[in-house]
């Protein structure tokens, strides 16, 4: 059995679980308005990271997006934990750039 196929399937299941369970939990925890604001910031950062990554301007798209989200949240004096930011970025990637 090819271990790569197993790992790819496992990662897919993990991301699906995040999208199905973690995101709704976080949304309830933060409130609709704060969640919408975070989603807007993450949306812009993820799309920028995707474009810069495709054009080979940056190496790590996740790191770029996370840094930009954290910087914008700091500028707005909004505090979120790392897990919330990571879940929001992963959800945005899966929603906007599904695997073909």
C-alpha atoms as a PDB file:
ATOM      1  CA  UNK A   1       0.000   0.000   0.000  1.00  0.00           C
ATOM      2  CA  UNK A   2       1.274   3.450  -0.890  1.00  0.00           C
ATOM      3  CA  UNK A   3       1.691   5.521   2.301  1.00  0.00           C
ATOM      4  CA  UNK A   4       1.434   8.783   0.345  1.00  0.00           C
ATOM      5  CA  UNK A   5      -2.152   8.056  -0.658  1.00  0.00           C
ATOM      6  CA  UNK A   6      -3.012   7.292   2.966  1.00  0.00           C
ATOM      7  CA  UNK A   7      -1.435  10.544   4.206  1.00  0.00           C
ATOM      8  CA  UNK A   8      -3.200  12.616   1.551  1.00  0.00           C
ATOM      9  CA  UNK A   9      -6.532  11.052   2.518  1.00  0.00           C
ATOM     10  CA  UNK A  10      -5.873  11.643   6.212  1.00  0.00           C
ATOM     11  CA  UNK A  11      -5.009  15.303   5.639  1.00  0.00           C
ATOM     12  CA  UNK A  12      -8.190  15.716   3.602  1.00  0.00           C
ATOM     13  CA  UNK A  13     -10.249  14.262   6.441  1.00  0.00           C
ATOM     14  CA  UNK A  14      -8.591  16.568   8.953  1.00  0.00           C
ATOM     15  CA  UNK A  15      -9.368  19.649   6.865  1.00  0.00           C
ATOM     16  CA  UNK A  16     -12.945  18.482   6.378  1.00  0.00           C
ATOM     17  CA  UNK A  17     -13.326  18.058  10.143  1.00  0.00           C
ATOM     18  CA  UNK A  18     -11.981  21.572  10.699  1.00  0.00           C
ATOM     19  CA  UNK A  19     -14.431  22.996   8.201  1.00  0.00           C
ATOM     20  CA  UNK A  20     -17.368  21.035   9.628  1.00  0.00           C
ATOM     21  CA  UNK A  21     -16.766  21.354  13.365  1.00  0.00           C
ATOM     22  CA  UNK A  22     -14.164  23.959  14.289  1.00  0.00           C
ATOM     23  CA  UNK A  23     -15.412  26.803  12.102  1.00  0.00           C
ATOM     24  CA  UNK A  24     -19.028  26.760  13.380  1.00  0.00           C
ATOM     25  CA  UNK A  25     -17.752  26.513  16.973  1.00  0.00           C
ATOM     26  CA  UNK A  26     -15.448  29.481  16.474  1.00  0.00           C
ATOM     27  CA  UNK A  27     -18.229  31.443  14.796  1.00  0.00           C
ATOM     28  CA  UNK A  28     -20.473  30.951  17.823  1.00  0.00           C
ATOM     29  CA  UNK A  29     -17.654  31.823  20.178  1.00  0.00           C
ATOM     30  CA  UNK A  30     -16.696  35.053  18.436  1.00  0.00           C
ATOM     31  CA  UNK A  31     -20.063  36.361  17.389  1.00  0.00           C
ATOM     32  CA  UNK A  32     -21.300  36.985  13.885  1.00  0.00           C
ATOM     33  CA  UNK A  33     -19.897  40.494  13.472  1.00  0.00           C
ATOM     34  CA  UNK A  34     -16.385  39.630  14.629  1.00  0.00           C
ATOM     35  CA  UNK A  35     -16.405  36.444  12.559  1.00  0.00           C
ATOM     36  CA  UNK A  36     -17.440  38.385   9.448  1.00  0.00           C
ATOM     37  CA  UNK A  37     -14.628  40.877  10.033  1.00  0.00           C
ATOM     38  CA  UNK A  38     -12.081  38.085  10.465  1.00  0.00           C
ATOM     39  CA  UNK A  39     -13.361  36.330   7.338  1.00  0.00           C
ATOM     40  CA  UNK A  40     -12.959  39.526   5.292  1.00  0.00           C
ATOM     41  CA  UNK A  41      -9.372  39.986   6.445  1.00  0.00           C
ATOM     42  CA  UNK A  42      -8.567  36.314   5.843  1.00  0.00           C
ATOM     43  CA  UNK A  43     -10.194  36.384   2.380  1.00  0.00           C
ATOM     44  CA  UNK A  44      -7.937  39.208   1.213  1.00  0.00           C
ATOM     45  CA  UNK A  45      -4.815  37.643   2.741  1.00  0.00           C
ATOM     46  CA  UNK A  46      -5.505  34.204   1.242  1.00  0.00           C
ATOM     47  CA  UNK A  47      -6.147  35.589  -2.239  1.00  0.00           C
ATOM     48  CA  UNK A  48      -3.024  37.752  -2.069  1.00  0.00           C
ATOM     49  CA  UNK A  49      -0.971  34.761  -0.919  1.00  0.00           C
ATOM     50  CA  UNK A  50      -2.358  32.631  -3.735  1.00  0.00           C
ATOM     51  CA  UNK A  51      -1.459  35.207  -6.392  1.00  0.00           C
ATOM     52  CA  UNK A  52       1.998  35.835  -4.963  1.00  0.00           C
ATOM     53  CA  UNK A  53       2.614  32.099  -4.650  1.00  0.00           C
ATOM     54  CA  UNK A  54       1.539  31.376  -8.222  1.00  0.00           C
ATOM     55  CA  UNK A  55       3.906  34.072  -9.453  1.00  0.00           C
ATOM     56  CA  UNK A  56       6.733  32.670  -7.263  1.00  0.00           C
ATOM     57  CA  UNK A  57       7.068  35.942  -5.329  1.00  0.00           C
ATOM     58  CA  UNK A  58       6.650  34.176  -1.981  1.00  0.00           C
ATOM     59  CA  UNK A  59       7.591  30.651  -0.899  1.00  0.00           C
ATOM     60  CA  UNK A  60       5.097  29.827   1.849  1.00  0.00           C
ATOM     61  CA  UNK A  61       1.536  30.945   1.153  1.00  0.00           C
ATOM     62  CA  UNK A  62       0.202  29.980   4.583  1.00  0.00           C
ATOM     63  CA  UNK A  63       2.949  31.866   6.406  1.00  0.00           C
ATOM     64  CA  UNK A  64       2.352  34.957   4.271  1.00  0.00           C
ATOM     65  CA  UNK A  65      -1.422  34.868   4.830  1.00  0.00           C
ATOM     66  CA  UNK A  66      -1.067  34.282   8.575  1.00  0.00           C
ATOM     67  CA  UNK A  67       1.415  37.156   8.929  1.00  0.00           C
ATOM     68  CA  UNK A  68      -0.856  39.542   7.021  1.00  0.00           C
ATOM     69  CA  UNK A  69      -3.934  38.535   9.031  1.00  0.00           C
ATOM     70  CA  UNK A  70      -2.072  38.976  12.324  1.00  0.00           C
ATOM     71  CA  UNK A  71      -0.720  42.366  11.224  1.00  0.00           C
ATOM     72  CA  UNK A  72      -4.172  43.629  10.229  1.00  0.00           C
ATOM     73  CA  UNK A  73      -5.737  42.351  13.436  1.00  0.00           C
ATOM     74  CA  UNK A  74      -2.985  44.054  15.454  1.00  0.00           C
ATOM     75  CA  UNK A  75      -3.557  47.289  13.521  1.00  0.00           C
ATOM     76  CA  UNK A  76      -7.250  47.103  14.392  1.00  0.00           C
ATOM     77  CA  UNK A  77      -6.385  46.144  18.000  1.00  0.00           C
ATOM     78  CA  UNK A  78      -8.310  42.879  17.716  1.00  0.00           C
ATOM     79  CA  UNK A  79      -7.008  39.784  19.445  1.00  0.00           C
ATOM     80  CA  UNK A  80      -7.516  36.247  18.179  1.00  0.00           C
ATOM     81  CA  UNK A  81      -5.642  33.112  19.113  1.00  0.00           C
ATOM     82  CA  UNK A  82      -3.410  31.223  16.676  1.00  0.00           C
ATOM     83  CA  UNK A  83      -5.852  28.317  16.333  1.00  0.00           C
ATOM     84  CA  UNK A  84      -8.695  30.617  15.301  1.00  0.00           C
ATOM     85  CA  UNK A  85      -6.549  32.331  12.671  1.00  0.00           C
ATOM     86  CA  UNK A  86      -5.293  29.000  11.350  1.00  0.00           C
ATOM     87  CA  UNK A  87      -8.814  27.541  11.144  1.00  0.00           C
ATOM     88  CA  UNK A  88     -10.105  30.640   9.355  1.00  0.00           C
ATOM     89  CA  UNK A  89      -7.261  30.530   6.812  1.00  0.00           C
ATOM     90  CA  UNK A  90      -7.703  26.801   6.166  1.00  0.00           C
ATOM     91  CA  UNK A  91     -11.457  27.233   5.744  1.00  0.00           C
ATOM     92  CA  UNK A  92     -10.941  30.113   3.295  1.00  0.00           C
ATOM     93  CA  UNK A  93      -8.442  28.102   1.262  1.00  0.00           C
ATOM     94  CA  UNK A  94     -10.762  25.085   1.063  1.00  0.00           C
ATOM     95  CA  UNK A  95     -13.754  27.254   0.176  1.00  0.00           C
ATOM     96  CA  UNK A  96     -12.043  29.419  -2.447  1.00  0.00           C
ATOM     97  CA  UNK A  97      -9.472  27.016  -3.893  1.00  0.00           C
ATOM     98  CA  UNK A  98     -10.941  23.498  -3.828  1.00  0.00           C
ATOM     99  CA  UNK A  99      -8.785  20.678  -5.163  1.00  0.00           C
ATOM    100  CA  UNK A 100      -9.664  19.709  -8.685  1.00  0.00           C
END
